[in-house]
């Protein structure tokens, strides 16, 4: 164990030094606990009414946190979903969820009533829908990884148009596509390829397809998982296994490493009235945390 911890420390030092960074933060003077008792928390999503929704990947319930209280939004046994991951809140207040248990995308009302929004592709369920984002038009991008491995290029990325239900395979041959976000500066779609420990980005076309793929940044020593942009164009990366949130500038330089309460942070979301509170899901402690930031988060749906 000591050898493994030493190797992890060396990897973290190498990452930090390779970026020429840098500002770091300790756990003690940074994160505050929001709530605990989750079962692999993921996909935090903030709505305009001050509610934070959270998935329990290996639990049978979807959580909601409001006014300092944790409650249940829906139970899998009472709904059409099985096991959810990434979440997003639509303009009508409904929650859209990646259901990797059934290989579908589901939609839930704020009262917890659910229905299947997208059942699959070409007559087959999706592999393992992972994370999603709504663009400026309210249309949906979502990742669909399959096998995990540096040479397993079987992950896909889909685009779904809400107005007419058109589903497009926007990109394929990805190495376990995971979290995704749209930049407020260049409008490109950024996606984590976790198995390659990197974040790639695409140019978005008007029909939803993606082109001109390029590597934005490499992050060894863990898996880049959930990501979020702030309005200044900085990218926040939950580094699963690396025990940190990395803040990457628009030109790909690391500007900050924020240590997390456990070594397995999964996802991020900006919330609160001013969007300056960064929420974090973390699975080693099975908890949700928050941290005040200097820049407000960017919501692509409200662009």
Foldseek 3Di string as FASTA:
>chain_A
DVVVVVVLVVLVVVLQVVLVDDAEAAAVPWKDFLDFDAAQWAAWEADPVAKTWIFRQPAQFIWIAHPSDIDTQEGNVVAVAGGWHHWYAFPVRWIWTFRQVQLFIKIAHSNNYIDTLGQPPPPDRAAGWAYWAAAQQRWIKTKGFHDAAPQPFAIWIWTADPPPGDIDGQDGRAHGWAAWDAFLPQRWIWIWNFNQQFIWIFDADPVGHTDDIDTLEHRPSAGFHHWFAFNQRWIWTQGARSQWIWTAHNNGRTYYTYGHPDRGKHYWAQDDPQSQKIWIQGNVRRGIIIGGHPTHTDHRNND
